[in-house]
C-alpha atoms as a PDB file:
ATOM      1  CA  MET A   1     -47.191  46.805  10.561  1.00  0.00           C
ATOM      2  CA  GLY A   2     -44.785  43.924  10.526  1.00  0.00           C
ATOM      3  CA  ILE A   3     -41.579  45.721   9.573  1.00  0.00           C
ATOM      4  CA  GLN A   4     -38.422  44.051  10.836  1.00  0.00           C
ATOM      5  CA  TYR A   5     -36.048  46.914  11.485  1.00  0.00           C
ATOM      6  CA  ALA A   6     -33.055  44.634  12.160  1.00  0.00           C
ATOM      7  CA  ALA A   7     -33.136  43.413   8.558  1.00  0.00           C
ATOM      8  CA  VAL A   8     -33.234  46.992   7.297  1.00  0.00           C
ATOM      9  CA  VAL A   9     -30.167  47.907   9.345  1.00  0.00           C
ATOM     10  CA  VAL A  10     -28.264  44.876   8.035  1.00  0.00           C
ATOM     11  CA  MET A  11     -29.126  45.729   4.428  1.00  0.00           C
ATOM     12  CA  LEU A  12     -28.102  49.368   4.913  1.00  0.00           C
ATOM     13  CA  GLY A  13     -24.831  48.217   6.468  1.00  0.00           C
ATOM     14  CA  MET A  14     -24.112  45.931   3.525  1.00  0.00           C
ATOM     15  CA  GLY A  15     -24.872  48.766   1.125  1.00  0.00           C
ATOM     16  CA  VAL A  16     -22.574  51.215   2.919  1.00  0.00           C
ATOM     17  CA  PHE A  17     -19.792  48.614   3.046  1.00  0.00           C
ATOM     18  CA  THR A  18     -20.173  47.851  -0.670  1.00  0.00           C
ATOM     19  CA  PHE A  19     -20.162  51.557  -1.506  1.00  0.00           C
ATOM     20  CA  TRP A  20     -17.007  52.019   0.593  1.00  0.00           C
ATOM     21  CA  LEU A  21     -15.300  49.146  -1.247  1.00  0.00           C
ATOM     22  CA  LEU A  22     -16.234  50.582  -4.633  1.00  0.00           C
ATOM     23  CA  ARG A  23     -14.971  54.046  -3.643  1.00  0.00           C
ATOM     24  CA  ALA A  24     -11.697  52.507  -2.429  1.00  0.00           C
ATOM     25  CA  GLY A  25     -11.132  50.978  -5.895  1.00  0.00           C
ATOM     26  CA  TYR A  26     -12.021  47.355  -5.260  1.00  0.00           C
ATOM     27  CA  ARG A  27     -13.999  45.345  -7.776  1.00  0.00           C
ATOM     28  CA  ILE A  28     -16.807  43.302  -6.292  1.00  0.00           C
ATOM     29  CA  LYS A  29     -16.372  40.506  -8.846  1.00  0.00           C
ATOM     30  CA  GLU A  30     -12.696  40.053  -7.951  1.00  0.00           C
ATOM     31  CA  LEU A  31     -13.397  40.184  -4.216  1.00  0.00           C
ATOM     32  CA  SER A  32     -16.144  37.569  -4.409  1.00  0.00           C
ATOM     33  CA  ALA A  33     -13.965  35.276  -6.524  1.00  0.00           C
ATOM     34  CA  ARG A  34     -11.072  35.673  -4.077  1.00  0.00           C
ATOM     35  CA  MET A  35     -13.350  34.926  -1.119  1.00  0.00           C
ATOM     36  CA  ALA A  36     -14.735  31.814  -2.828  1.00  0.00           C
ATOM     37  CA  HIS A  37     -11.257  30.536  -3.638  1.00  0.00           C
ATOM     38  CA  GLY A  38     -10.052  31.271  -0.126  1.00  0.00           C
ATOM     39  CA  VAL A  39     -12.913  29.337   1.433  1.00  0.00           C
ATOM     40  CA  SER A  40     -12.511  26.389  -0.941  1.00  0.00           C
ATOM     41  CA  GLY A  41      -8.792  26.112  -0.231  1.00  0.00           C
ATOM     42  CA  TYR A  42      -7.256  27.091  -3.554  1.00  0.00           C
ATOM     43  CA  LEU A  43      -5.538  30.144  -2.078  1.00  0.00           C
ATOM     44  CA  ARG A  44      -4.094  28.499   1.009  1.00  0.00           C
ATOM     45  CA  THR A  45      -0.403  29.001   1.511  1.00  0.00           C
ATOM     46  CA  ARG A  46       1.991  26.104   1.459  1.00  0.00           C
ATOM     47  CA  PRO A  47       2.948  24.750   4.875  1.00  0.00           C
ATOM     48  CA  ASP A  48       6.356  25.462   6.320  1.00  0.00           C
ATOM     49  CA  PRO A  49       8.883  23.113   4.603  1.00  0.00           C
ATOM     50  CA  TRP A  50      10.443  22.175   7.955  1.00  0.00           C
ATOM     51  CA  LEU A  51       7.054  21.206   9.388  1.00  0.00           C
ATOM     52  CA  GLU A  52       6.041  19.302   6.275  1.00  0.00           C
ATOM     53  CA  GLY A  53       9.318  17.341   6.268  1.00  0.00           C
ATOM     54  CA  ASN A  54       9.006  16.429   9.939  1.00  0.00           C
ATOM     55  CA  LEU A  55       5.393  15.306   9.528  1.00  0.00           C
ATOM     56  CA  ARG A  56       6.309  13.158   6.532  1.00  0.00           C
ATOM     57  CA  ALA A  57       9.179  11.567   8.479  1.00  0.00           C
ATOM     58  CA  ALA A  58       6.925  10.886  11.479  1.00  0.00           C
ATOM     59  CA  PHE A  59       4.248   9.252   9.335  1.00  0.00           C
ATOM     60  CA  ALA A  60       6.856   7.183   7.478  1.00  0.00           C
ATOM     61  CA  GLU A  61       8.224   5.912  10.814  1.00  0.00           C
ATOM     62  CA  PHE A  62       4.687   5.149  12.027  1.00  0.00           C
ATOM     63  CA  ASP A  63       3.973   3.281   8.798  1.00  0.00           C
ATOM     64  CA  ARG A  64       7.134   1.151   9.182  1.00  0.00           C
ATOM     65  CA  GLU A  65       6.286   0.293  12.800  1.00  0.00           C
ATOM     66  CA  LEU A  66       2.711  -0.588  11.898  1.00  0.00           C
ATOM     67  CA  ALA A  67       3.919  -2.849   9.085  1.00  0.00           C
ATOM     68  CA  LEU A  68       6.211  -4.673  11.541  1.00  0.00           C
ATOM     69  CA  ILE A  69       3.386  -5.131  14.029  1.00  0.00           C
ATOM     70  CA  LEU A  70       1.051  -6.497  11.383  1.00  0.00           C
ATOM     71  CA  GLN A  71       3.773  -8.745   9.969  1.00  0.00           C
ATOM     72  CA  GLU A  72       4.371 -10.346  13.386  1.00  0.00           C
ATOM     73  CA  ARG A  73       0.817 -11.613  13.544  1.00  0.00           C
ATOM     74  CA  SER A  74       0.948 -15.121  12.148  1.00  0.00           C
ATOM     75  CA  TYR A  75      -2.657 -16.158  12.502  1.00  0.00           C
ATOM     76  CA  ALA A  76      -5.174 -15.871   9.697  1.00  0.00           C
ATOM     77  CA  ALA A  77      -8.551 -14.455  10.571  1.00  0.00           C
ATOM     78  CA  PRO A  78     -11.396 -16.851   9.822  1.00  0.00           C
ATOM     79  CA  ALA A  79     -13.749 -15.901   7.051  1.00  0.00           C
ATOM     80  CA  ALA A  80     -17.117 -14.488   8.055  1.00  0.00           C
ATOM     81  CA  ARG A  81     -18.929 -17.259   6.204  1.00  0.00           C
ATOM     82  CA  ASP A  82     -17.213 -19.862   8.389  1.00  0.00           C
ATOM     83  CA  LYS A  83     -18.215 -18.032  11.565  1.00  0.00           C
ATOM     84  CA  PHE A  84     -21.846 -17.499  10.618  1.00  0.00           C
ATOM     85  CA  PRO A  85     -23.014 -20.094   8.087  1.00  0.00           C
ATOM     86  CA  GLN A  86     -26.378 -19.475   6.474  1.00  0.00           C
ATOM     87  CA  ASP A  87     -27.329 -23.149   6.460  1.00  0.00           C
ATOM     88  CA  PRO A  88     -25.830 -25.367   9.162  1.00  0.00           C
ATOM     89  CA  ALA A  89     -26.223 -28.432   6.926  1.00  0.00           C
ATOM     90  CA  ALA A  90     -24.349 -26.813   3.975  1.00  0.00           C
ATOM     91  CA  PRO A  91     -20.722 -27.801   3.410  1.00  0.00           C
ATOM     92  CA  PRO A  92     -18.121 -25.153   4.366  1.00  0.00           C
ATOM     93  CA  GLY A  93     -17.118 -22.671   1.669  1.00  0.00           C
ATOM     94  CA  ARG A  94     -20.534 -22.368   0.042  1.00  0.00           C
END
């Protein structure tokens, strides 16, 4: 006999838990929908306004500093076609 008793215990446990939920007045359809929404992120709470404001300010400051750094660079990067031409005899830009 190839009966897997661990699977039977798991199924019995799920049945007892479901029966307990039904006796307590929960609806399985509502619980499963709530679990799915919770996992997908629709029921997440909003972050703390203080934390959200500080994070936005920090990223805005980082963005300004990055723009200044990139603006200070005055050289233009060469195009890839000029670095690695397909045909050495071809004129540049083709």
